[in-house]
């Protein structure tokens, strides 16, 4: 369901974070993959009636965010920080870029 997938790094809770687009087009998003979460945070994965997985971002330290079209000047680390800040203002988180 996703294309143009690029690993950005890992959240403070150890969640892999990616930039991606959906196959039907639209903006670039920053978020995680349900398949990764099945192994490390299965309680944050919802299986839909059609058999696809969805992420319950309320149970994670990051949010899925969409990025502006002119995303080229945005670094991977900056995208990670935005996803972490977007989730919960009340609890600051740190992020680590991919190595």
PDB file of N, CA and C in Angstrom:
ATOM      1  N   UNK A   1       0.807  -1.186   0.000  1.00  0.00           N
ATOM      2  CA  UNK A   1       0.000   0.000   0.000  1.00  0.00           C
ATOM      3  C   UNK A   1       0.860   1.263   0.000  1.00  0.00           C
ATOM      4  N   UNK A   2       2.194   1.091   0.199  1.00  0.00           N
ATOM      5  CA  UNK A   2       3.086   2.246   0.269  1.00  0.00           C
ATOM      6  C   UNK A   2       4.192   2.116  -0.772  1.00  0.00           C
ATOM      7  N   UNK A   3       4.731   3.269  -1.158  1.00  0.00           N
ATOM      8  CA  UNK A   3       5.826   3.323  -2.117  1.00  0.00           C
ATOM      9  C   UNK A   3       6.799   4.407  -1.671  1.00  0.00           C
ATOM     10  N   UNK A   4       7.915   4.518  -2.350  1.00  0.00           N
ATOM     11  CA  UNK A   4       8.935   5.526  -2.009  1.00  0.00           C
ATOM     12  C   UNK A   4       9.288   5.472  -0.523  1.00  0.00           C
ATOM     13  N   UNK A   5       9.440   4.273   0.015  1.00  0.00           N
ATOM     14  CA  UNK A   5       9.702   4.082   1.446  1.00  0.00           C
ATOM     15  C   UNK A   5      11.176   4.339   1.742  1.00  0.00           C
ATOM     16  N   UNK A   6      11.425   5.183   2.752  1.00  0.00           N
ATOM     17  CA  UNK A   6      12.796   5.499   3.168  1.00  0.00           C
ATOM     18  C   UNK A   6      12.857   5.509   4.690  1.00  0.00           C
ATOM     19  N   UNK A   7      13.743   4.717   5.252  1.00  0.00           N
ATOM     20  CA  UNK A   7      13.913   4.674   6.710  1.00  0.00           C
ATOM     21  C   UNK A   7      14.559   5.969   7.176  1.00  0.00           C
ATOM     22  N   UNK A   8      13.959   6.617   8.172  1.00  0.00           N
ATOM     23  CA  UNK A   8      14.484   7.870   8.713  1.00  0.00           C
ATOM     24  C   UNK A   8      15.265   7.663   9.996  1.00  0.00           C
ATOM     25  N   UNK A   9      14.836   6.715  10.801  1.00  0.00           N
ATOM     26  CA  UNK A   9      15.496   6.486  12.077  1.00  0.00           C
ATOM     27  C   UNK A   9      14.596   5.730  13.023  1.00  0.00           C
ATOM     28  N   UNK A  10      14.802   5.961  14.321  1.00  0.00           N
ATOM     29  CA  UNK A  10      14.090   5.236  15.368  1.00  0.00           C
ATOM     30  C   UNK A  10      13.631   6.226  16.428  1.00  0.00           C
ATOM     31  N   UNK A  11      12.398   6.063  16.893  1.00  0.00           N
ATOM     32  CA  UNK A  11      11.881   6.947  17.948  1.00  0.00           C
ATOM     33  C   UNK A  11      12.517   6.582  19.287  1.00  0.00           C
ATOM     34  N   UNK A  12      12.261   7.398  20.289  1.00  0.00           N
ATOM     35  CA  UNK A  12      12.815   7.141  21.629  1.00  0.00           C
ATOM     36  C   UNK A  12      12.331   5.818  22.201  1.00  0.00           C
ATOM     37  N   UNK A  13      11.130   5.362  21.803  1.00  0.00           N
ATOM     38  CA  UNK A  13      10.594   4.083  22.274  1.00  0.00           C
ATOM     39  C   UNK A  13      11.037   2.907  21.403  1.00  0.00           C
ATOM     40  N   UNK A  14      11.921   3.150  20.448  1.00  0.00           N
ATOM     41  CA  UNK A  14      12.435   2.074  19.599  1.00  0.00           C
ATOM     42  C   UNK A  14      11.572   1.758  18.395  1.00  0.00           C
ATOM     43  N   UNK A  15      10.698   2.678  18.006  1.00  0.00           N
ATOM     44  CA  UNK A  15       9.804   2.468  16.864  1.00  0.00           C
ATOM     45  C   UNK A  15      10.516   2.902  15.584  1.00  0.00           C
ATOM     46  N   UNK A  16      10.633   2.018  14.579  1.00  0.00           N
ATOM     47  CA  UNK A  16      11.219   2.425  13.302  1.00  0.00           C
ATOM     48  C   UNK A  16      10.324   3.484  12.636  1.00  0.00           C
ATOM     49  N   UNK A  17      10.947   4.537  12.107  1.00  0.00           N
ATOM     50  CA  UNK A  17      10.212   5.641  11.492  1.00  0.00           C
ATOM     51  C   UNK A  17      10.641   5.768  10.033  1.00  0.00           C
ATOM     52  N   UNK A  18       9.656   5.943   9.158  1.00  0.00           N
ATOM     53  CA  UNK A  18       9.880   5.985   7.717  1.00  0.00           C
ATOM     54  C   UNK A  18       9.210   7.213   7.094  1.00  0.00           C
ATOM     55  N   UNK A  19       9.713   7.589   5.925  1.00  0.00           N
ATOM     56  CA  UNK A  19       9.006   8.492   5.027  1.00  0.00           C
ATOM     57  C   UNK A  19       8.449   7.610   3.916  1.00  0.00           C
ATOM     58  N   UNK A  20       7.233   7.882   3.463  1.00  0.00           N
ATOM     59  CA  UNK A  20       6.615   7.063   2.417  1.00  0.00           C
ATOM     60  C   UNK A  20       5.462   7.815   1.764  1.00  0.00           C
ATOM     61  N   UNK A  21       5.024   7.273   0.638  1.00  0.00           N
ATOM     62  CA  UNK A  21       3.806   7.725  -0.040  1.00  0.00           C
ATOM     63  C   UNK A  21       2.884   6.520  -0.159  1.00  0.00           C
ATOM     64  N   UNK A  22       1.594   6.795  -0.229  1.00  0.00           N
ATOM     65  CA  UNK A  22       0.647   5.721  -0.532  1.00  0.00           C
ATOM     66  C   UNK A  22       0.635   5.485  -2.036  1.00  0.00           C
ATOM     67  N   UNK A  23       0.335   4.264  -2.441  1.00  0.00           N
ATOM     68  CA  UNK A  23       0.413   3.909  -3.861  1.00  0.00           C
ATOM     69  C   UNK A  23      -0.568   4.704  -4.719  1.00  0.00           C
ATOM     70  N   UNK A  24      -1.615   5.246  -4.128  1.00  0.00           N
ATOM     71  CA  UNK A  24      -2.585   6.021  -4.893  1.00  0.00           C
ATOM     72  C   UNK A  24      -2.173   7.482  -5.050  1.00  0.00           C
ATOM     73  N   UNK A  25      -0.995   7.847  -4.525  1.00  0.00           N
ATOM     74  CA  UNK A  25      -0.479   9.198  -4.713  1.00  0.00           C
ATOM     75  C   UNK A  25      -0.686  10.061  -3.491  1.00  0.00           C
ATOM     76  N   UNK A  26      -0.455  11.335  -3.672  1.00  0.00           N
ATOM     77  CA  UNK A  26      -0.608  12.273  -2.575  1.00  0.00           C
ATOM     78  C   UNK A  26       0.722  12.659  -1.973  1.00  0.00           C
ATOM     79  N   UNK A  27       0.667  13.319  -0.826  1.00  0.00           N
ATOM     80  CA  UNK A  27       1.891  13.842  -0.218  1.00  0.00           C
ATOM     81  C   UNK A  27       2.756  12.739   0.400  1.00  0.00           C
ATOM     82  N   UNK A  28       3.953  13.123   0.770  1.00  0.00           N
ATOM     83  CA  UNK A  28       4.849  12.242   1.521  1.00  0.00           C
ATOM     84  C   UNK A  28       4.391  12.257   2.976  1.00  0.00           C
ATOM     85  N   UNK A  29       4.434  11.098   3.616  1.00  0.00           N
ATOM     86  CA  UNK A  29       4.079  10.973   5.022  1.00  0.00           C
ATOM     87  C   UNK A  29       5.283  10.502   5.808  1.00  0.00           C
ATOM     88  N   UNK A  30       5.284  10.783   7.104  1.00  0.00           N
ATOM     89  CA  UNK A  30       6.260  10.228   8.034  1.00  0.00           C
ATOM     90  C   UNK A  30       5.469   9.433   9.056  1.00  0.00           C
ATOM     91  N   UNK A  31       5.877   8.189   9.280  1.00  0.00           N
ATOM     92  CA  UNK A  31       5.183   7.320  10.227  1.00  0.00           C
ATOM     93  C   UNK A  31       5.925   6.006  10.351  1.00  0.00           C
ATOM     94  N   UNK A  32       5.221   4.994  10.807  1.00  0.00           N
ATOM     95  CA  UNK A  32       5.837   3.683  10.978  1.00  0.00           C
ATOM     96  C   UNK A  32       5.050   2.642  10.188  1.00  0.00           C
ATOM     97  N   UNK A  33       5.528   1.428  10.185  1.00  0.00           N
ATOM     98  CA  UNK A  33       4.897   0.327   9.451  1.00  0.00           C
ATOM     99  C   UNK A  33       4.305  -0.672  10.443  1.00  0.00           C
ATOM    100  N   UNK A  34       3.064  -1.031  10.217  1.00  0.00           N
ATOM    101  CA  UNK A  34       2.386  -1.983  11.096  1.00  0.00           C
ATOM    102  C   UNK A  34       3.142  -3.305  11.162  1.00  0.00           C
ATOM    103  N   UNK A  35       3.721  -3.733  10.046  1.00  0.00           N
ATOM    104  CA  UNK A  35       4.441  -5.006  10.032  1.00  0.00           C
ATOM    105  C   UNK A  35       5.622  -4.980  10.997  1.00  0.00           C
ATOM    106  N   UNK A  36       6.300  -3.850  11.132  1.00  0.00           N
ATOM    107  CA  UNK A  36       7.389  -3.742  12.111  1.00  0.00           C
ATOM    108  C   UNK A  36       6.843  -3.844  13.527  1.00  0.00           C
ATOM    109  N   UNK A  37       5.700  -3.211  13.746  1.00  0.00           N
ATOM    110  CA  UNK A  37       5.124  -3.172  15.089  1.00  0.00           C
ATOM    111  C   UNK A  37       4.597  -4.526  15.554  1.00  0.00           C
ATOM    112  N   UNK A  38       4.229  -5.406  14.632  1.00  0.00           N
ATOM    113  CA  UNK A  38       3.732  -6.734  15.019  1.00  0.00           C
ATOM    114  C   UNK A  38       4.744  -7.457  15.908  1.00  0.00           C
ATOM    115  N   UNK A  39       6.027  -7.239  15.651  1.00  0.00           N
ATOM    116  CA  UNK A  39       7.068  -7.924  16.420  1.00  0.00           C
ATOM    117  C   UNK A  39       7.403  -7.212  17.727  1.00  0.00           C
ATOM    118  N   UNK A  40       7.279  -5.886  17.759  1.00  0.00           N
ATOM    119  CA  UNK A  40       7.749  -5.154  18.938  1.00  0.00           C
ATOM    120  C   UNK A  40       6.647  -4.456  19.733  1.00  0.00           C
ATOM    121  N   UNK A  41       5.531  -4.113  19.119  1.00  0.00           N
ATOM    122  CA  UNK A  41       4.421  -3.427  19.795  1.00  0.00           C
ATOM    123  C   UNK A  41       3.084  -3.879  19.194  1.00  0.00           C
ATOM    124  N   UNK A  42       2.756  -5.175  19.289  1.00  0.00           N
ATOM    125  CA  UNK A  42       1.539  -5.681  18.645  1.00  0.00           C
ATOM    126  C   UNK A  42       0.262  -4.998  19.124  1.00  0.00           C
ATOM    127  N   UNK A  43       0.265  -4.439  20.333  1.00  0.00           N
ATOM    128  CA  UNK A  43      -0.926  -3.748  20.831  1.00  0.00           C
ATOM    129  C   UNK A  43      -1.217  -2.463  20.066  1.00  0.00           C
ATOM    130  N   UNK A  44      -0.261  -2.000  19.258  1.00  0.00           N
ATOM    131  CA  UNK A  44      -0.443  -0.783  18.462  1.00  0.00           C
ATOM    132  C   UNK A  44      -0.857  -1.090  17.026  1.00  0.00           C
ATOM    133  N   UNK A  45      -1.210  -2.357  16.756  1.00  0.00           N
ATOM    134  CA  UNK A  45      -1.603  -2.764  15.403  1.00  0.00           C
ATOM    135  C   UNK A  45      -3.061  -3.201  15.405  1.00  0.00           C
ATOM    136  N   UNK A  46      -3.798  -2.716  14.424  1.00  0.00           N
ATOM    137  CA  UNK A  46      -5.207  -3.078  14.236  1.00  0.00           C
ATOM    138  C   UNK A  46      -5.327  -3.791  12.893  1.00  0.00           C
ATOM    139  N   UNK A  47      -5.982  -4.952  12.885  1.00  0.00           N
ATOM    140  CA  UNK A  47      -6.237  -5.644  11.624  1.00  0.00           C
ATOM    141  C   UNK A  47      -7.642  -5.276  11.157  1.00  0.00           C
ATOM    142  N   UNK A  48      -7.736  -4.774   9.926  1.00  0.00           N
ATOM    143  CA  UNK A  48      -9.032  -4.366   9.388  1.00  0.00           C
ATOM    144  C   UNK A  48      -9.799  -5.584   8.882  1.00  0.00           C
ATOM    145  N   UNK A  49     -11.071  -5.396   8.607  1.00  0.00           N
ATOM    146  CA  UNK A  49     -11.916  -6.473   8.090  1.00  0.00           C
ATOM    147  C   UNK A  49     -11.392  -6.995   6.758  1.00  0.00           C
ATOM    148  N   UNK A  50     -10.709  -6.145   5.993  1.00  0.00           N
ATOM    149  CA  UNK A  50     -10.180  -6.557   4.694  1.00  0.00           C
ATOM    150  C   UNK A  50      -8.826  -7.258   4.806  1.00  0.00           C
ATOM    151  N   UNK A  51      -8.311  -7.406   6.037  1.00  0.00           N
ATOM    152  CA  UNK A  51      -7.065  -8.120   6.237  1.00  0.00           C
ATOM    153  C   UNK A  51      -5.827  -7.244   6.253  1.00  0.00           C
ATOM    154  N   UNK A  52      -5.992  -5.951   6.044  1.00  0.00           N
ATOM    155  CA  UNK A  52      -4.859  -5.026   6.107  1.00  0.00           C
ATOM    156  C   UNK A  52      -4.619  -4.599   7.543  1.00  0.00           C
ATOM    157  N   UNK A  53      -3.380  -4.200   7.806  1.00  0.00           N
ATOM    158  CA  UNK A  53      -3.022  -3.705   9.132  1.00  0.00           C
ATOM    159  C   UNK A  53      -3.030  -2.185   9.148  1.00  0.00           C
ATOM    160  N   UNK A  54      -3.408  -1.631  10.306  1.00  0.00           N
ATOM    161  CA  UNK A  54      -3.350  -0.195  10.540  1.00  0.00           C
ATOM    162  C   UNK A  54      -2.602   0.038  11.848  1.00  0.00           C
ATOM    163  N   UNK A  55      -1.977   1.208  11.960  1.00  0.00           N
ATOM    164  CA  UNK A  55      -1.243   1.569  13.169  1.00  0.00           C
ATOM    165  C   UNK A  55      -2.127   2.427  14.063  1.00  0.00           C
ATOM    166  N   UNK A  56      -2.172   2.089  15.344  1.00  0.00           N
ATOM    167  CA  UNK A  56      -2.859   2.911  16.342  1.00  0.00           C
ATOM    168  C   UNK A  56      -1.810   3.853  16.940  1.00  0.00           C
ATOM    169  N   UNK A  57      -1.684   5.033  16.347  1.00  0.00           N
ATOM    170  CA  UNK A  57      -0.642   5.973  16.754  1.00  0.00           C
ATOM    171  C   UNK A  57      -0.835   6.509  18.163  1.00  0.00           C
ATOM    172  N   UNK A  58      -2.030   6.384  18.722  1.00  0.00           N
ATOM    173  CA  UNK A  58      -2.253   6.823  20.104  1.00  0.00           C
ATOM    174  C   UNK A  58      -1.424   6.015  21.096  1.00  0.00           C
ATOM    175  N   UNK A  59      -0.921   4.848  20.679  1.00  0.00           N
ATOM    176  CA  UNK A  59      -0.137   3.996  21.564  1.00  0.00           C
ATOM    177  C   UNK A  59       1.362   4.129  21.329  1.00  0.00           C
ATOM    178  N   UNK A  60       1.760   5.113  20.517  1.00  0.00           N
ATOM    179  CA  UNK A  60       3.170   5.287  20.170  1.00  0.00           C
ATOM    180  C   UNK A  60       3.661   6.679  20.536  1.00  0.00           C
ATOM    181  N   UNK A  61       4.964   6.842  20.495  1.00  0.00           N
ATOM    182  CA  UNK A  61       5.565   8.146  20.790  1.00  0.00           C
ATOM    183  C   UNK A  61       5.796   8.995  19.548  1.00  0.00           C
ATOM    184  N   UNK A  62       5.210   8.598  18.426  1.00  0.00           N
ATOM    185  CA  UNK A  62       5.261   9.391  17.203  1.00  0.00           C
ATOM    186  C   UNK A  62       3.860   9.480  16.619  1.00  0.00           C
ATOM    187  N   UNK A  63       3.664  10.441  15.749  1.00  0.00           N
ATOM    188  CA  UNK A  63       2.407  10.570  15.014  1.00  0.00           C
ATOM    189  C   UNK A  63       2.719  10.423  13.531  1.00  0.00           C
ATOM    190  N   UNK A  64       1.730  10.026  12.754  1.00  0.00           N
ATOM    191  CA  UNK A  64       1.900  10.055  11.310  1.00  0.00           C
ATOM    192  C   UNK A  64       1.594  11.479  10.866  1.00  0.00           C
ATOM    193  N   UNK A  65       2.518  12.068  10.115  1.00  0.00           N
ATOM    194  CA  UNK A  65       2.324  13.430   9.628  1.00  0.00           C
ATOM    195  C   UNK A  65       2.522  13.460   8.117  1.00  0.00           C
ATOM    196  N   UNK A  66       1.890  14.400   7.458  1.00  0.00           N
ATOM    197  CA  UNK A  66       2.145  14.608   6.034  1.00  0.00           C
ATOM    198  C   UNK A  66       3.133  15.751   5.902  1.00  0.00           C
ATOM    199  N   UNK A  67       3.980  15.659   4.895  1.00  0.00           N
ATOM    200  CA  UNK A  67       5.002  16.661   4.671  1.00  0.00           C
ATOM    201  C   UNK A  67       4.635  17.523   3.472  1.00  0.00           C
ATOM    202  N   UNK A  68       5.053  18.774   3.473  1.00  0.00           N
ATOM    203  CA  UNK A  68       4.787  19.629   2.318  1.00  0.00           C
ATOM    204  C   UNK A  68       5.490  19.090   1.073  1.00  0.00           C
ATOM    205  N   UNK A  69       4.986  19.455  -0.084  1.00  0.00           N
ATOM    206  CA  UNK A  69       5.575  18.967  -1.337  1.00  0.00           C
ATOM    207  C   UNK A  69       7.037  19.370  -1.490  1.00  0.00           C
ATOM    208  N   UNK A  70       7.417  20.519  -0.989  1.00  0.00           N
ATOM    209  CA  UNK A  70       8.803  20.971  -1.114  1.00  0.00           C
ATOM    210  C   UNK A  70       9.636  20.468   0.066  1.00  0.00           C
ATOM    211  N   UNK A  71       9.596  19.156   0.255  1.00  0.00           N
ATOM    212  CA  UNK A  71      10.225  18.520   1.412  1.00  0.00           C
ATOM    213  C   UNK A  71      11.742  18.380   1.260  1.00  0.00           C
ATOM    214  N   UNK A  72      12.286  18.662   0.099  1.00  0.00           N
ATOM    215  CA  UNK A  72      13.709  18.427  -0.138  1.00  0.00           C
ATOM    216  C   UNK A  72      14.631  19.083   0.888  1.00  0.00           C
ATOM    217  N   UNK A  73      14.358  20.314   1.369  1.00  0.00           N
ATOM    218  CA  UNK A  73      15.281  20.877   2.349  1.00  0.00           C
ATOM    219  C   UNK A  73      15.133  20.292   3.755  1.00  0.00           C
ATOM    220  N   UNK A  74      14.120  19.479   3.981  1.00  0.00           N
ATOM    221  CA  UNK A  74      13.881  18.894   5.301  1.00  0.00           C
ATOM    222  C   UNK A  74      14.755  17.658   5.475  1.00  0.00           C
ATOM    223  N   UNK A  75      15.591  17.656   6.499  1.00  0.00           N
ATOM    224  CA  UNK A  75      16.465  16.507   6.741  1.00  0.00           C
ATOM    225  C   UNK A  75      15.676  15.367   7.370  1.00  0.00           C
ATOM    226  N   UNK A  76      16.239  14.172   7.326  1.00  0.00           N
ATOM    227  CA  UNK A  76      15.605  13.017   7.958  1.00  0.00           C
ATOM    228  C   UNK A  76      15.403  13.274   9.450  1.00  0.00           C
ATOM    229  N   UNK A  77      16.411  13.859  10.092  1.00  0.00           N
ATOM    230  CA  UNK A  77      16.312  14.126  11.523  1.00  0.00           C
ATOM    231  C   UNK A  77      15.184  15.120  11.812  1.00  0.00           C
ATOM    232  N   UNK A  78      15.041  16.139  10.974  1.00  0.00           N
ATOM    233  CA  UNK A  78      13.971  17.121  11.176  1.00  0.00           C
ATOM    234  C   UNK A  78      12.601  16.475  11.007  1.00  0.00           C
ATOM    235  N   UNK A  79      12.457  15.564  10.048  1.00  0.00           N
ATOM    236  CA  UNK A  79      11.192  14.863   9.856  1.00  0.00           C
ATOM    237  C   UNK A  79      10.863  14.005  11.073  1.00  0.00           C
ATOM    238  N   UNK A  80      11.863  13.348  11.652  1.00  0.00           N
ATOM    239  CA  UNK A  80      11.668  12.559  12.869  1.00  0.00           C
ATOM    240  C   UNK A  80      11.198  13.443  14.020  1.00  0.00           C
ATOM    241  N   UNK A  81      11.830  14.582  14.181  1.00  0.00           N
ATOM    242  CA  UNK A  81      11.468  15.495  15.260  1.00  0.00           C
ATOM    243  C   UNK A  81      10.032  15.973  15.086  1.00  0.00           C
ATOM    244  N   UNK A  82       9.637  16.315  13.871  1.00  0.00           N
ATOM    245  CA  UNK A  82       8.262  16.751  13.624  1.00  0.00           C
ATOM    246  C   UNK A  82       7.260  15.660  13.995  1.00  0.00           C
ATOM    247  N   UNK A  83       7.545  14.416  13.624  1.00  0.00           N
ATOM    248  CA  UNK A  83       6.637  13.309  13.939  1.00  0.00           C
ATOM    249  C   UNK A  83       6.539  13.098  15.444  1.00  0.00           C
ATOM    250  N   UNK A  84       7.651  13.264  16.141  1.00  0.00           N
ATOM    251  CA  UNK A  84       7.636  13.104  17.599  1.00  0.00           C
ATOM    252  C   UNK A  84       6.888  14.246  18.270  1.00  0.00           C
ATOM    253  N   UNK A  85       7.106  15.467  17.821  1.00  0.00           N
ATOM    254  CA  UNK A  85       6.435  16.621  18.419  1.00  0.00           C
ATOM    255  C   UNK A  85       4.945  16.629  18.130  1.00  0.00           C
ATOM    256  N   UNK A  86       4.551  16.118  16.997  1.00  0.00           N
ATOM    257  CA  UNK A  86       3.143  16.139  16.608  1.00  0.00           C
ATOM    258  C   UNK A  86       2.294  15.216  17.457  1.00  0.00           C
ATOM    259  N   UNK A  87       2.885  14.207  18.054  1.00  0.00           N
ATOM    260  CA  UNK A  87       2.095  13.216  18.766  1.00  0.00           C
ATOM    261  C   UNK A  87       1.531  13.723  20.082  1.00  0.00           C
ATOM    262  N   UNK A  88       2.368  14.216  20.970  1.00  0.00           N
ATOM    263  CA  UNK A  88       1.893  14.639  22.293  1.00  0.00           C
ATOM    264  C   UNK A  88       2.765  15.771  22.806  1.00  0.00           C
ATOM    265  N   UNK A  89       2.235  16.939  22.818  1.00  0.00           N
ATOM    266  CA  UNK A  89       2.968  18.100  23.306  1.00  0.00           C
ATOM    267  C   UNK A  89       3.296  17.931  24.795  1.00  0.00           C
ATOM    268  N   UNK A  90       2.463  17.232  25.528  1.00  0.00           N
ATOM    269  CA  UNK A  90       2.628  17.114  26.971  1.00  0.00           C
ATOM    270  C   UNK A  90       3.834  16.285  27.382  1.00  0.00           C
ATOM    271  N   UNK A  91       4.342  15.407  26.491  1.00  0.00           N
ATOM    272  CA  UNK A  91       5.497  14.600  26.885  1.00  0.00           C
ATOM    273  C   UNK A  91       6.582  14.710  25.824  1.00  0.00           C
ATOM    274  N   UNK A  92       7.626  15.477  26.082  1.00  0.00           N
ATOM    275  CA  UNK A  92       8.703  15.616  25.103  1.00  0.00           C
ATOM    276  C   UNK A  92       9.402  14.282  24.865  1.00  0.00           C
ATOM    277  N   UNK A  93       9.801  14.048  23.624  1.00  0.00           N
ATOM    278  CA  UNK A  93      10.497  12.820  23.264  1.00  0.00           C
ATOM    279  C   UNK A  93      11.756  13.180  22.501  1.00  0.00           C
ATOM    280  N   UNK A  94      12.683  12.265  22.498  1.00  0.00           N
ATOM    281  CA  UNK A  94      13.873  12.448  21.682  1.00  0.00           C
ATOM    282  C   UNK A  94      13.859  11.406  20.578  1.00  0.00           C
ATOM    283  N   UNK A  95      14.552  11.697  19.502  1.00  0.00           N
ATOM    284  CA  UNK A  95      14.613  10.769  18.378  1.00  0.00           C
ATOM    285  C   UNK A  95      16.069  10.582  17.985  1.00  0.00           C
ATOM    286  N   UNK A  96      16.327   9.441  17.344  1.00  0.00           N
ATOM    287  CA  UNK A  96      17.665   9.139  16.898  1.00  0.00           C
ATOM    288  C   UNK A  96      17.633   8.865  15.409  1.00  0.00           C
ATOM    289  N   UNK A  97      18.445   9.567  14.607  1.00  0.00           N
ATOM    290  CA  UNK A  97      18.454   9.324  13.173  1.00  0.00           C
ATOM    291  C   UNK A  97      18.990   7.931  12.847  1.00  0.00           C
ATOM    292  N   UNK A  98      18.618   7.425  11.681  1.00  0.00           N
ATOM    293  CA  UNK A  98      19.106   6.114  11.224  1.00  0.00           C
ATOM    294  C   UNK A  98      20.605   6.190  10.981  1.00  0.00           C
ATOM    295  N   UNK A  99      21.273   5.099  11.219  1.00  0.00           N
ATOM    296  CA  UNK A  99      22.726   5.051  10.998  1.00  0.00           C
ATOM    297  C   UNK A  99      23.025   4.403   9.682  1.00  0.00           C
TER     298      UNK A  99
END
